[in-house]
Every structure is written in C-alpha cells, then in structure tokens.
C-alpha cells in the first residue's frame, strides 16, 4: 500500500484536502475530486463523522487504489489509531509528533508529517515521514521561503501546503516542492465541469506540464 500511494503521489502529485463542517459537503467534495482525476483524497478530522466518510468511500471503491483515501489533521497517536481503524491508506499530520509517526510506521502506512522550520523538517524526516508537508507556506514567504530552506535540505522530499491557488503551483514546483496539498476553495468551482477543469489544471501544473 505504501508503494502504491508513493507511486500515485509521484504521478499525480496533488492531495485533495477536505476540511468542512458538513458531512454531506465533504462527501460531495470527495466525489468531485475523484471525478476530476485526483488519486489521493485526504479527509481531515475536522469533518463531522470523518471516519465514517473514509469507510464509505473505501466501500464504494472498486478494488484497491488508486484512488487512495487518507486522513488528515492527525495530531496525535489516538487519532492515528482511529484513522487506521477506519481504513485510512495514508496519514497526514500538521505537526511532527512522534506518536503519530510510531503508529503509522508500525502499520506500514504512507506518512506525511507537517513542519515549517528547518529543524522541524529534519525532525519529521528522522521520524520516518515519507514526505514532509511544509505548512503554512503562504504566510511565511511562499515559494521564496521554500526555496530558501531547500538550499541545505534539498535531499528531503517536501509537499507544499497552506492555502495557495492552483496557478501558484508552478512557482512552488520551481522552488522544489514535489507534491501539493490543496483544498476545495482552491480546487473546486461552481459547476461540475468547472471543477473538472480546475482539477485537470492543478494536476498538469503539479506534473510540470502546460495548463490544459
């Protein structure tokens, strides 16, 4: 499973993040992400009945992934265990907690740990993160900040996150990000067709391609 998630993240390097206050809205966003071609969908623990949604999406999938369904806002070992019980196939944390890392690694799950400073980035790597989520980038300098910390830390795979738009993906990619975490406000439009267009654009930019 870890290998499959890694391959999807390399080939379609956008994680669609779902963070809503409504279960129905979260489910609608997940369906839009999948319809638009995303291979990784992250249900955060801020969604009501988040683990139920993970179970529902997995039960409706035809066979193994992709798409892969993971859980985010996994801030401690208890949430990590709950995510695994729900069937989450990757774990995303906004912090670099050792408890989350211990649970995820013991279960063989793909692990994304959050960090901001160089010290935190290295700590996340040392805890076993498969990729380090550098967050929140827009508030601390965006691509320029990412490029600066990648100077000495270019050997660590980094996922850019924090609320930037689809058209900013190329700048973050040029700064050294190998994957991108974006939410519904950035990835979805007013209609299904518009959402598909935005999602295809995001995937193209994330792969280093020209916009469709």
C-alpha atoms as a PDB file:
ATOM      1  CA  UNK A   1       0.000   0.000   0.000  1.00  0.00           C
ATOM      2  CA  UNK A   2       2.770   2.460   0.873  1.00  0.00           C
ATOM      3  CA  UNK A   3       4.386   1.843  -2.508  1.00  0.00           C
ATOM      4  CA  UNK A   4       1.089   2.406  -4.307  1.00  0.00           C
ATOM      5  CA  UNK A   5       0.447   5.710  -2.530  1.00  0.00           C
ATOM      6  CA  UNK A   6       4.010   6.819  -3.275  1.00  0.00           C
ATOM      7  CA  UNK A   7       3.597   5.970  -6.952  1.00  0.00           C
ATOM      8  CA  UNK A   8       0.335   7.903  -7.159  1.00  0.00           C
ATOM      9  CA  UNK A   9       1.860  10.898  -5.415  1.00  0.00           C
ATOM     10  CA  UNK A  10       4.733  10.852  -7.894  1.00  0.00           C
ATOM     11  CA  UNK A  11       2.496  10.551 -10.935  1.00  0.00           C
ATOM     12  CA  UNK A  12      -0.413  12.745  -9.823  1.00  0.00           C
ATOM     13  CA  UNK A  13       1.173  14.898  -7.107  1.00  0.00           C
ATOM     14  CA  UNK A  14      -1.870  16.662  -5.699  1.00  0.00           C
ATOM     15  CA  UNK A  15      -3.562  15.670  -2.441  1.00  0.00           C
ATOM     16  CA  UNK A  16      -7.134  16.957  -2.363  1.00  0.00           C
ATOM     17  CA  UNK A  17      -7.791  18.098   1.201  1.00  0.00           C
ATOM     18  CA  UNK A  18     -11.327  18.081   2.602  1.00  0.00           C
ATOM     19  CA  UNK A  19     -11.968  20.334   5.579  1.00  0.00           C
ATOM     20  CA  UNK A  20     -15.634  21.212   6.001  1.00  0.00           C
ATOM     21  CA  UNK A  21     -18.204  21.484   8.784  1.00  0.00           C
ATOM     22  CA  UNK A  22     -20.702  19.279   6.939  1.00  0.00           C
ATOM     23  CA  UNK A  23     -20.526  15.553   6.228  1.00  0.00           C
ATOM     24  CA  UNK A  24     -22.640  15.939   3.082  1.00  0.00           C
ATOM     25  CA  UNK A  25     -20.453  18.744   1.762  1.00  0.00           C
ATOM     26  CA  UNK A  26     -17.342  16.697   2.482  1.00  0.00           C
ATOM     27  CA  UNK A  27     -18.756  13.739   0.589  1.00  0.00           C
ATOM     28  CA  UNK A  28     -19.646  15.985  -2.350  1.00  0.00           C
ATOM     29  CA  UNK A  29     -16.115  17.391  -2.419  1.00  0.00           C
ATOM     30  CA  UNK A  30     -14.608  13.901  -2.315  1.00  0.00           C
ATOM     31  CA  UNK A  31     -16.746  12.817  -5.263  1.00  0.00           C
ATOM     32  CA  UNK A  32     -15.732  15.937  -7.212  1.00  0.00           C
ATOM     33  CA  UNK A  33     -12.052  15.263  -6.523  1.00  0.00           C
ATOM     34  CA  UNK A  34     -12.346  11.702  -7.742  1.00  0.00           C
ATOM     35  CA  UNK A  35     -14.355  12.741 -10.795  1.00  0.00           C
ATOM     36  CA  UNK A  36     -11.619  15.248 -11.610  1.00  0.00           C
ATOM     37  CA  UNK A  37      -8.875  12.633 -11.574  1.00  0.00           C
ATOM     38  CA  UNK A  38      -7.211  13.071  -8.184  1.00  0.00           C
ATOM     39  CA  UNK A  39      -5.619   9.874  -6.898  1.00  0.00           C
ATOM     40  CA  UNK A  40      -5.227  10.991  -3.269  1.00  0.00           C
ATOM     41  CA  UNK A  41      -8.068  12.356  -1.139  1.00  0.00           C
ATOM     42  CA  UNK A  42      -7.458  13.476   2.440  1.00  0.00           C
ATOM     43  CA  UNK A  43     -10.411  13.563   4.845  1.00  0.00           C
ATOM     44  CA  UNK A  44      -9.457  15.706   7.827  1.00  0.00           C
ATOM     45  CA  UNK A  45     -10.637  15.047  11.354  1.00  0.00           C
ATOM     46  CA  UNK A  46     -12.379  18.440  11.293  1.00  0.00           C
ATOM     47  CA  UNK A  47     -15.102  16.868   9.105  1.00  0.00           C
ATOM     48  CA  UNK A  48     -18.083  15.577  11.103  1.00  0.00           C
ATOM     49  CA  UNK A  49     -18.064  11.749  11.127  1.00  0.00           C
ATOM     50  CA  UNK A  50     -14.772  11.829   9.271  1.00  0.00           C
ATOM     51  CA  UNK A  51     -14.006   8.152   9.868  1.00  0.00           C
ATOM     52  CA  UNK A  52     -17.472   7.190   8.599  1.00  0.00           C
ATOM     53  CA  UNK A  53     -16.778   9.058   5.368  1.00  0.00           C
ATOM     54  CA  UNK A  54     -13.480   7.237   4.921  1.00  0.00           C
ATOM     55  CA  UNK A  55     -15.222   3.907   5.376  1.00  0.00           C
ATOM     56  CA  UNK A  56     -17.974   4.886   2.912  1.00  0.00           C
ATOM     57  CA  UNK A  57     -15.527   5.989   0.210  1.00  0.00           C
ATOM     58  CA  UNK A  58     -13.453   2.839   0.595  1.00  0.00           C
ATOM     59  CA  UNK A  59     -16.518   0.603   0.454  1.00  0.00           C
ATOM     60  CA  UNK A  60     -17.595   2.209  -2.833  1.00  0.00           C
ATOM     61  CA  UNK A  61     -14.211   1.850  -4.498  1.00  0.00           C
ATOM     62  CA  UNK A  62     -13.783  -0.945  -6.996  1.00  0.00           C
ATOM     63  CA  UNK A  63     -10.847  -2.959  -5.671  1.00  0.00           C
ATOM     64  CA  UNK A  64      -7.623  -1.482  -4.373  1.00  0.00           C
ATOM     65  CA  UNK A  65      -6.477   2.059  -5.063  1.00  0.00           C
ATOM     66  CA  UNK A  66      -5.893   4.345  -6.682  1.00  0.00           C
ATOM     67  CA  UNK A  67      -7.684   6.407  -5.703  1.00  0.00           C
ATOM     68  CA  UNK A  68      -6.291   6.311  -2.178  1.00  0.00           C
ATOM     69  CA  UNK A  69      -8.260   7.623   0.780  1.00  0.00           C
ATOM     70  CA  UNK A  70      -6.313   9.046   3.717  1.00  0.00           C
ATOM     71  CA  UNK A  71      -6.944  11.097   6.829  1.00  0.00           C
ATOM     72  CA  UNK A  72      -5.549  14.464   7.821  1.00  0.00           C
ATOM     73  CA  UNK A  73      -5.308  16.643  10.930  1.00  0.00           C
ATOM     74  CA  UNK A  74      -3.910  13.544  12.613  1.00  0.00           C
ATOM     75  CA  UNK A  75      -2.384  15.380  15.549  1.00  0.00           C
ATOM     76  CA  UNK A  76      -1.760  12.541  17.996  1.00  0.00           C
ATOM     77  CA  UNK A  77      -1.461   8.791  18.343  1.00  0.00           C
ATOM     78  CA  UNK A  78      -5.145   8.407  19.259  1.00  0.00           C
ATOM     79  CA  UNK A  79      -6.256   9.989  16.006  1.00  0.00           C
ATOM     80  CA  UNK A  80      -3.705   7.931  14.102  1.00  0.00           C
ATOM     81  CA  UNK A  81      -5.163   4.753  15.552  1.00  0.00           C
ATOM     82  CA  UNK A  82      -8.711   5.899  14.740  1.00  0.00           C
ATOM     83  CA  UNK A  83      -7.647   6.670  11.171  1.00  0.00           C
ATOM     84  CA  UNK A  84      -6.174   3.203  10.760  1.00  0.00           C
ATOM     85  CA  UNK A  85      -9.297   1.578  12.189  1.00  0.00           C
ATOM     86  CA  UNK A  86     -11.328   3.442   9.558  1.00  0.00           C
ATOM     87  CA  UNK A  87      -9.031   2.071   6.844  1.00  0.00           C
ATOM     88  CA  UNK A  88      -7.064   5.226   6.022  1.00  0.00           C
ATOM     89  CA  UNK A  89      -4.373   4.428   3.476  1.00  0.00           C
ATOM     90  CA  UNK A  90      -2.158   7.388   4.255  1.00  0.00           C
ATOM     91  CA  UNK A  91      -1.779   9.666   7.266  1.00  0.00           C
ATOM     92  CA  UNK A  92      -1.278  13.434   7.172  1.00  0.00           C
ATOM     93  CA  UNK A  93      -0.347  15.477  10.236  1.00  0.00           C
ATOM     94  CA  UNK A  94       0.096  19.254  10.548  1.00  0.00           C
ATOM     95  CA  UNK A  95       2.863  18.618  13.098  1.00  0.00           C
ATOM     96  CA  UNK A  96       5.786  16.221  13.505  1.00  0.00           C
ATOM     97  CA  UNK A  97       4.608  14.239  16.503  1.00  0.00           C
ATOM     98  CA  UNK A  98       6.447  11.064  17.383  1.00  0.00           C
ATOM     99  CA  UNK A  99       3.227   9.316  18.464  1.00  0.00           C
ATOM    100  CA  UNK A 100       1.622   9.719  15.036  1.00  0.00           C
ATOM    101  CA  UNK A 101       4.813   8.551  13.365  1.00  0.00           C
ATOM    102  CA  UNK A 102       5.075   5.491  15.596  1.00  0.00           C
ATOM    103  CA  UNK A 103       1.507   4.335  14.873  1.00  0.00           C
ATOM    104  CA  UNK A 104       1.681   4.992  11.133  1.00  0.00           C
ATOM    105  CA  UNK A 105       5.051   3.332  10.632  1.00  0.00           C
ATOM    106  CA  UNK A 106       4.081   0.272  12.679  1.00  0.00           C
ATOM    107  CA  UNK A 107       1.049  -0.159  10.404  1.00  0.00           C
ATOM    108  CA  UNK A 108       3.061   0.384   7.226  1.00  0.00           C
ATOM    109  CA  UNK A 109       1.094   3.441   6.142  1.00  0.00           C
ATOM    110  CA  UNK A 110       2.401   6.236   3.936  1.00  0.00           C
ATOM    111  CA  UNK A 111       3.198   9.097   6.312  1.00  0.00           C
ATOM    112  CA  UNK A 112       3.102  12.859   5.763  1.00  0.00           C
ATOM    113  CA  UNK A 113       4.332  14.889   8.733  1.00  0.00           C
ATOM    114  CA  UNK A 114       3.971  18.665   8.964  1.00  0.00           C
ATOM    115  CA  UNK A 115       6.840  21.066   9.584  1.00  0.00           C
ATOM    116  CA  UNK A 116       7.840  24.666   8.936  1.00  0.00           C
ATOM    117  CA  UNK A 117      11.336  25.409  10.186  1.00  0.00           C
ATOM    118  CA  UNK A 118      14.490  23.602   9.026  1.00  0.00           C
ATOM    119  CA  UNK A 119      14.743  21.928  12.443  1.00  0.00           C
ATOM    120  CA  UNK A 120      11.174  20.627  12.161  1.00  0.00           C
ATOM    121  CA  UNK A 121      11.681  19.438   8.585  1.00  0.00           C
ATOM    122  CA  UNK A 122      14.699  17.360   9.597  1.00  0.00           C
ATOM    123  CA  UNK A 123      12.878  16.051  12.667  1.00  0.00           C
ATOM    124  CA  UNK A 124       9.924  14.963  10.508  1.00  0.00           C
ATOM    125  CA  UNK A 125      12.291  13.163   8.149  1.00  0.00           C
ATOM    126  CA  UNK A 126      14.024  11.449  11.056  1.00  0.00           C
ATOM    127  CA  UNK A 127      10.675  10.316  12.480  1.00  0.00           C
ATOM    128  CA  UNK A 128      10.042   8.426   9.260  1.00  0.00           C
ATOM    129  CA  UNK A 129       7.940  10.772   7.116  1.00  0.00           C
ATOM    130  CA  UNK A 130       7.737   9.643   3.502  1.00  0.00           C
ATOM    131  CA  UNK A 131       7.326  13.298   2.554  1.00  0.00           C
ATOM    132  CA  UNK A 132       7.354  16.426   4.728  1.00  0.00           C
ATOM    133  CA  UNK A 133       4.413  18.808   4.498  1.00  0.00           C
ATOM    134  CA  UNK A 134       5.832  22.329   4.716  1.00  0.00           C
ATOM    135  CA  UNK A 135       2.989  24.372   6.129  1.00  0.00           C
ATOM    136  CA  UNK A 136       1.677  27.099   6.120  1.00  0.00           C
ATOM    137  CA  UNK A 137       3.863  28.436   3.303  1.00  0.00           C
ATOM    138  CA  UNK A 138       1.912  31.478   2.034  1.00  0.00           C
ATOM    139  CA  UNK A 139       2.108  33.257   5.381  1.00  0.00           C
ATOM    140  CA  UNK A 140       5.895  32.962   5.710  1.00  0.00           C
ATOM    141  CA  UNK A 141       7.079  33.851   2.222  1.00  0.00           C
ATOM    142  CA  UNK A 142       5.619  31.245  -0.115  1.00  0.00           C
ATOM    143  CA  UNK A 143       7.905  29.850  -2.828  1.00  0.00           C
ATOM    144  CA  UNK A 144      10.795  32.062  -1.750  1.00  0.00           C
ATOM    145  CA  UNK A 145      10.740  30.576   1.758  1.00  0.00           C
ATOM    146  CA  UNK A 146      10.521  27.043   0.388  1.00  0.00           C
ATOM    147  CA  UNK A 147      13.458  27.636  -1.962  1.00  0.00           C
ATOM    148  CA  UNK A 148      15.497  29.046   0.925  1.00  0.00           C
ATOM    149  CA  UNK A 149      15.059  26.054   3.232  1.00  0.00           C
ATOM    150  CA  UNK A 150      15.585  23.629   0.378  1.00  0.00           C
ATOM    151  CA  UNK A 151      19.057  25.098  -0.091  1.00  0.00           C
ATOM    152  CA  UNK A 152      20.517  22.973   2.720  1.00  0.00           C
ATOM    153  CA  UNK A 153      17.674  20.421   2.803  1.00  0.00           C
ATOM    154  CA  UNK A 154      17.237  19.551  -0.865  1.00  0.00           C
ATOM    155  CA  UNK A 155      17.548  15.834  -0.182  1.00  0.00           C
ATOM    156  CA  UNK A 156      14.248  15.801   1.744  1.00  0.00           C
ATOM    157  CA  UNK A 157      11.022  15.426  -0.248  1.00  0.00           C
ATOM    158  CA  UNK A 158       8.623  18.258   0.525  1.00  0.00           C
ATOM    159  CA  UNK A 159       4.918  18.813  -0.049  1.00  0.00           C
ATOM    160  CA  UNK A 160       3.811  22.442  -0.289  1.00  0.00           C
ATOM    161  CA  UNK A 161       0.630  23.388   1.586  1.00  0.00           C
ATOM    162  CA  UNK A 162      -1.107  26.241   3.306  1.00  0.00           C
ATOM    163  CA  UNK A 163      -3.787  27.756   1.073  1.00  0.00           C
ATOM    164  CA  UNK A 164      -2.201  28.889  -2.194  1.00  0.00           C
ATOM    165  CA  UNK A 165      -4.032  28.787  -5.520  1.00  0.00           C
ATOM    166  CA  UNK A 166      -3.725  26.415  -8.451  1.00  0.00           C
ATOM    167  CA  UNK A 167      -1.931  28.983 -10.591  1.00  0.00           C
ATOM    168  CA  UNK A 168       0.779  29.237  -7.912  1.00  0.00           C
ATOM    169  CA  UNK A 169       1.692  25.553  -8.201  1.00  0.00           C
ATOM    170  CA  UNK A 170       4.405  26.150 -10.852  1.00  0.00           C
ATOM    171  CA  UNK A 171       6.208  28.619  -8.573  1.00  0.00           C
ATOM    172  CA  UNK A 172       6.181  26.145  -5.677  1.00  0.00           C
ATOM    173  CA  UNK A 173       7.302  23.372  -8.003  1.00  0.00           C
ATOM    174  CA  UNK A 174      10.193  25.510  -9.223  1.00  0.00           C
ATOM    175  CA  UNK A 175      11.084  26.197  -5.580  1.00  0.00           C
ATOM    176  CA  UNK A 176      11.466  22.458  -5.017  1.00  0.00           C
ATOM    177  CA  UNK A 177       8.101  21.057  -3.943  1.00  0.00           C
ATOM    178  CA  UNK A 178       7.443  17.574  -5.294  1.00  0.00           C
ATOM    179  CA  UNK A 179       3.782  17.437  -4.240  1.00  0.00           C
ATOM    180  CA  UNK A 180       0.981  19.820  -3.303  1.00  0.00           C
ATOM    181  CA  UNK A 181      -1.866  19.853  -0.804  1.00  0.00           C
ATOM    182  CA  UNK A 182      -4.887  21.959  -1.783  1.00  0.00           C
ATOM    183  CA  UNK A 183      -8.435  22.271  -0.509  1.00  0.00           C
ATOM    184  CA  UNK A 184     -11.851  22.750  -2.017  1.00  0.00           C
ATOM    185  CA  UNK A 185     -11.600  26.530  -2.057  1.00  0.00           C
ATOM    186  CA  UNK A 186      -8.703  26.204  -4.490  1.00  0.00           C
ATOM    187  CA  UNK A 187      -9.716  23.081  -6.442  1.00  0.00           C
ATOM    188  CA  UNK A 188     -13.471  23.306  -6.945  1.00  0.00           C
ATOM    189  CA  UNK A 189     -15.661  25.641  -8.973  1.00  0.00           C
ATOM    190  CA  UNK A 190     -19.342  26.443  -9.157  1.00  0.00           C
ATOM    191  CA  UNK A 191     -20.216  23.603 -11.525  1.00  0.00           C
ATOM    192  CA  UNK A 192     -19.029  20.041 -12.034  1.00  0.00           C
ATOM    193  CA  UNK A 193     -17.467  20.970 -15.366  1.00  0.00           C
ATOM    194  CA  UNK A 194     -15.620  23.931 -13.879  1.00  0.00           C
ATOM    195  CA  UNK A 195     -14.328  21.753 -11.036  1.00  0.00           C
ATOM    196  CA  UNK A 196     -13.017  19.172 -13.508  1.00  0.00           C
ATOM    197  CA  UNK A 197     -11.260  21.904 -15.462  1.00  0.00           C
ATOM    198  CA  UNK A 198      -9.589  23.297 -12.328  1.00  0.00           C
ATOM    199  CA  UNK A 199      -8.551  19.839 -11.140  1.00  0.00           C
ATOM    200  CA  UNK A 200      -7.064  18.932 -14.521  1.00  0.00           C
ATOM    201  CA  UNK A 201      -5.193  22.247 -14.494  1.00  0.00           C
ATOM    202  CA  UNK A 202      -3.842  21.546 -10.995  1.00  0.00           C
ATOM    203  CA  UNK A 203      -2.620  18.088 -11.977  1.00  0.00           C
ATOM    204  CA  UNK A 204      -0.961  19.404 -15.121  1.00  0.00           C
ATOM    205  CA  UNK A 205       0.883  22.126 -13.215  1.00  0.00           C
ATOM    206  CA  UNK A 206       1.879  19.650 -10.494  1.00  0.00           C
ATOM    207  CA  UNK A 207       3.431  17.384 -13.147  1.00  0.00           C
ATOM    208  CA  UNK A 208       5.309  20.258 -14.709  1.00  0.00           C
ATOM    209  CA  UNK A 209       3.099  20.336 -17.784  1.00  0.00           C
ATOM    210  CA  UNK A 210       1.458  23.266 -19.539  1.00  0.00           C
ATOM    211  CA  UNK A 211      -2.067  24.132 -18.475  1.00  0.00           C
ATOM    212  CA  UNK A 212      -4.750  22.269 -20.470  1.00  0.00           C
END
